[in-house]
Amino acid sequence: VQLQASGGGLVQAGGSLRLSCTVSGRTFRSSATGWFRQAPGKEREFVAAINESGYGSYYGNSVKGRFTISRDAAKDTVYLQMNSLKPEDTAVYFCTVGVYRGRYFPAGWGQGTQVTVSS
């Protein structure tokens, strides 16, 4: 499986960005998908995940109410809409495929995309 993320960039605090991740291979429809992020000097952090059906979504506490994860099975693509961005959201964002069993377990990782939020 290959995951190709895009949509990162530089944005001012309070602004919005939408990340996209296209998943190649015949795994998208049978896999949960999610996003993690890692800021310099910090541990990797769970951001959001969505289950195989697209009807269940889960968020890290730091992004609840600001970020929305969604997926389009026809395009094998998962999205992360990020609103009300804060400087502390600055990180490399990674898309993943995995399973959700009470919590999200990533199994495959894409390359990261940089998100920088200026104050």
C-alpha atoms as a PDB file:
ATOM      1  CA  VAL A   1       0.000   0.000   0.000  1.00  0.00           C
ATOM      2  CA  GLN A   2       1.171   3.526  -0.760  1.00  0.00           C
ATOM      3  CA  LEU A   3      -0.123   6.696   0.828  1.00  0.00           C
ATOM      4  CA  GLN A   4       0.395  10.089  -0.795  1.00  0.00           C
ATOM      5  CA  ALA A   5      -0.364  13.110   1.349  1.00  0.00           C
ATOM      6  CA  SER A   6      -0.730  16.689   0.154  1.00  0.00           C
ATOM      7  CA  GLY A   7      -2.140  20.032   1.220  1.00  0.00           C
ATOM      8  CA  GLY A   8       0.343  21.170   3.816  1.00  0.00           C
ATOM      9  CA  GLY A   9       1.731  24.675   3.860  1.00  0.00           C
ATOM     10  CA  LEU A  10       2.087  27.920   5.759  1.00  0.00           C
ATOM     11  CA  VAL A  11      -0.978  29.576   7.247  1.00  0.00           C
ATOM     12  CA  GLN A  12      -1.638  32.290   9.802  1.00  0.00           C
ATOM     13  CA  ALA A  13      -3.149  31.496  13.160  1.00  0.00           C
ATOM     14  CA  GLY A  14      -6.917  31.267  12.877  1.00  0.00           C
ATOM     15  CA  GLY A  15      -6.737  30.088   9.301  1.00  0.00           C
ATOM     16  CA  SER A  16      -7.625  26.779   7.685  1.00  0.00           C
ATOM     17  CA  LEU A  17      -5.974  24.056   5.646  1.00  0.00           C
ATOM     18  CA  ARG A  18      -7.224  20.791   4.182  1.00  0.00           C
ATOM     19  CA  LEU A  19      -4.909  17.826   3.960  1.00  0.00           C
ATOM     20  CA  SER A  20      -5.580  15.011   1.519  1.00  0.00           C
ATOM     21  CA  CYS A  21      -4.161  11.511   1.379  1.00  0.00           C
ATOM     22  CA  THR A  22      -4.716   9.093  -1.478  1.00  0.00           C
ATOM     23  CA  VAL A  23      -4.272   5.421  -0.700  1.00  0.00           C
ATOM     24  CA  SER A  24      -3.212   3.131  -3.525  1.00  0.00           C
ATOM     25  CA  GLY A  25      -3.763  -0.595  -3.472  1.00  0.00           C
ATOM     26  CA  ARG A  26      -6.925  -2.507  -2.630  1.00  0.00           C
ATOM     27  CA  THR A  27      -6.872  -1.681   1.051  1.00  0.00           C
ATOM     28  CA  PHE A  28      -8.719   1.598   1.391  1.00  0.00           C
ATOM     29  CA  ARG A  29     -12.278   0.289   1.626  1.00  0.00           C
ATOM     30  CA  SER A  30     -11.343  -2.371   4.167  1.00  0.00           C
ATOM     31  CA  SER A  31      -9.165  -0.147   6.337  1.00  0.00           C
ATOM     32  CA  ALA A  32      -9.648   2.566   8.846  1.00  0.00           C
ATOM     33  CA  THR A  33      -7.566   5.640   8.063  1.00  0.00           C
ATOM     34  CA  GLY A  34      -6.075   8.280  10.268  1.00  0.00           C
ATOM     35  CA  TRP A  35      -3.666  11.128  10.804  1.00  0.00           C
ATOM     36  CA  PHE A  36      -0.803  11.597  13.221  1.00  0.00           C
ATOM     37  CA  ARG A  37       1.516  14.548  13.649  1.00  0.00           C
ATOM     38  CA  GLN A  38       4.959  15.178  15.022  1.00  0.00           C
ATOM     39  CA  ALA A  39       6.378  18.521  16.041  1.00  0.00           C
ATOM     40  CA  PRO A  40      10.124  19.103  16.449  1.00  0.00           C
ATOM     41  CA  GLY A  41      11.368  17.640  19.702  1.00  0.00           C
ATOM     42  CA  LYS A  42       8.015  16.079  20.526  1.00  0.00           C
ATOM     43  CA  GLU A  43       6.556  12.593  20.353  1.00  0.00           C
ATOM     44  CA  ARG A  44       4.259  11.583  17.557  1.00  0.00           C
ATOM     45  CA  GLU A  45       0.664  12.475  18.435  1.00  0.00           C
ATOM     46  CA  PHE A  46      -2.640  10.957  17.334  1.00  0.00           C
ATOM     47  CA  VAL A  47      -4.787  13.523  15.516  1.00  0.00           C
ATOM     48  CA  ALA A  48      -7.826  11.764  14.070  1.00  0.00           C
ATOM     49  CA  ALA A  49      -9.106   8.523  12.599  1.00  0.00           C
ATOM     50  CA  ILE A  50     -12.157   7.351  10.697  1.00  0.00           C
ATOM     51  CA  ASN A  51     -13.430   3.822  10.423  1.00  0.00           C
ATOM     52  CA  GLU A  52     -13.941   1.737   7.289  1.00  0.00           C
ATOM     53  CA  SER A  53     -17.546   2.774   6.797  1.00  0.00           C
ATOM     54  CA  GLY A  54     -16.803   6.456   7.237  1.00  0.00           C
ATOM     55  CA  TYR A  55     -19.506   6.766   9.872  1.00  0.00           C
ATOM     56  CA  GLY A  56     -17.265   6.692  12.933  1.00  0.00           C
ATOM     57  CA  SER A  57     -14.617   9.327  13.570  1.00  0.00           C
ATOM     58  CA  TYR A  58     -12.301   9.866  16.515  1.00  0.00           C
ATOM     59  CA  TYR A  59     -10.128  12.802  17.514  1.00  0.00           C
ATOM     60  CA  GLY A  60      -7.236  13.681  19.758  1.00  0.00           C
ATOM     61  CA  ASN A  61      -8.177  16.024  22.564  1.00  0.00           C
ATOM     62  CA  SER A  62      -6.069  18.876  21.232  1.00  0.00           C
ATOM     63  CA  VAL A  63      -7.961  19.068  17.925  1.00  0.00           C
ATOM     64  CA  LYS A  64     -11.547  18.238  18.902  1.00  0.00           C
ATOM     65  CA  GLY A  65     -13.985  20.822  17.614  1.00  0.00           C
ATOM     66  CA  ARG A  66     -11.444  22.287  15.170  1.00  0.00           C
ATOM     67  CA  PHE A  67     -10.458  19.412  12.878  1.00  0.00           C
ATOM     68  CA  THR A  68     -12.710  17.144  10.839  1.00  0.00           C
ATOM     69  CA  ILE A  69     -11.689  13.880   9.214  1.00  0.00           C
ATOM     70  CA  SER A  70     -13.600  12.460   6.268  1.00  0.00           C
ATOM     71  CA  ARG A  71     -13.087   9.960   3.487  1.00  0.00           C
ATOM     72  CA  ASP A  72     -14.224   9.430  -0.080  1.00  0.00           C
ATOM     73  CA  ALA A  73     -14.270   5.750  -1.012  1.00  0.00           C
ATOM     74  CA  ALA A  74     -14.746   6.549  -4.697  1.00  0.00           C
ATOM     75  CA  LYS A  75     -11.428   8.402  -4.675  1.00  0.00           C
ATOM     76  CA  ASP A  76      -9.598   6.243  -2.103  1.00  0.00           C
ATOM     77  CA  THR A  77      -8.841   9.461  -0.298  1.00  0.00           C
ATOM     78  CA  VAL A  78      -8.971  10.599   3.302  1.00  0.00           C
ATOM     79  CA  TYR A  79      -9.144  14.283   4.221  1.00  0.00           C
ATOM     80  CA  LEU A  80      -8.313  16.337   7.280  1.00  0.00           C
ATOM     81  CA  GLN A  81     -10.030  19.714   7.408  1.00  0.00           C
ATOM     82  CA  MET A  82      -8.180  21.899   9.895  1.00  0.00           C
ATOM     83  CA  ASN A  83      -9.870  25.079  11.092  1.00  0.00           C
ATOM     84  CA  SER A  84      -8.969  27.661  13.722  1.00  0.00           C
ATOM     85  CA  LEU A  85      -5.335  26.677  13.421  1.00  0.00           C
ATOM     86  CA  LYS A  86      -2.951  27.535  16.219  1.00  0.00           C
ATOM     87  CA  PRO A  87       0.843  27.830  16.244  1.00  0.00           C
ATOM     88  CA  GLU A  88       0.951  24.672  18.340  1.00  0.00           C
ATOM     89  CA  ASP A  89      -0.584  22.779  15.404  1.00  0.00           C
ATOM     90  CA  THR A  90       2.712  23.232  13.571  1.00  0.00           C
ATOM     91  CA  ALA A  91       4.044  19.767  12.787  1.00  0.00           C
ATOM     92  CA  VAL A  92       4.649  17.203  10.113  1.00  0.00           C
ATOM     93  CA  TYR A  93       1.352  15.418   9.491  1.00  0.00           C
ATOM     94  CA  PHE A  94       1.323  11.747   8.503  1.00  0.00           C
ATOM     95  CA  CYS A  95      -1.570   9.832   6.992  1.00  0.00           C
ATOM     96  CA  THR A  96      -2.017   6.186   7.865  1.00  0.00           C
ATOM     97  CA  VAL A  97      -4.137   3.114   7.226  1.00  0.00           C
ATOM     98  CA  GLY A  98      -4.963   0.764  10.050  1.00  0.00           C
ATOM     99  CA  VAL A  99      -7.693  -0.745  12.188  1.00  0.00           C
ATOM    100  CA  TYR A 100      -9.990   0.641  14.840  1.00  0.00           C
ATOM    101  CA  ARG A 101     -10.692  -1.644  17.798  1.00  0.00           C
ATOM    102  CA  GLY A 102     -11.630   0.673  20.607  1.00  0.00           C
ATOM    103  CA  ARG A 103      -8.680   2.784  19.632  1.00  0.00           C
ATOM    104  CA  TYR A 104      -6.888   3.339  16.350  1.00  0.00           C
ATOM    105  CA  PHE A 105      -3.924   1.134  15.428  1.00  0.00           C
ATOM    106  CA  PRO A 106      -1.954   2.386  12.405  1.00  0.00           C
ATOM    107  CA  ALA A 107      -0.425  -0.267  10.168  1.00  0.00           C
ATOM    108  CA  GLY A 108       0.907   1.685   7.207  1.00  0.00           C
ATOM    109  CA  TRP A 109       2.362   5.177   6.972  1.00  0.00           C
ATOM    110  CA  GLY A 110       2.693   7.738   4.243  1.00  0.00           C
ATOM    111  CA  GLN A 111       5.311  10.422   3.920  1.00  0.00           C
ATOM    112  CA  GLY A 112       4.619  13.493   5.977  1.00  0.00           C
ATOM    113  CA  THR A 113       3.392  16.867   4.888  1.00  0.00           C
ATOM    114  CA  GLN A 114       4.534  19.989   6.729  1.00  0.00           C
ATOM    115  CA  VAL A 115       1.991  22.305   8.307  1.00  0.00           C
ATOM    116  CA  THR A 116       3.303  25.580   9.703  1.00  0.00           C
ATOM    117  CA  VAL A 117       1.044  27.997  11.574  1.00  0.00           C
ATOM    118  CA  SER A 118       2.430  31.464  12.152  1.00  0.00           C
ATOM    119  CA  SER A 119       1.333  33.643  15.051  1.00  0.00           C
END
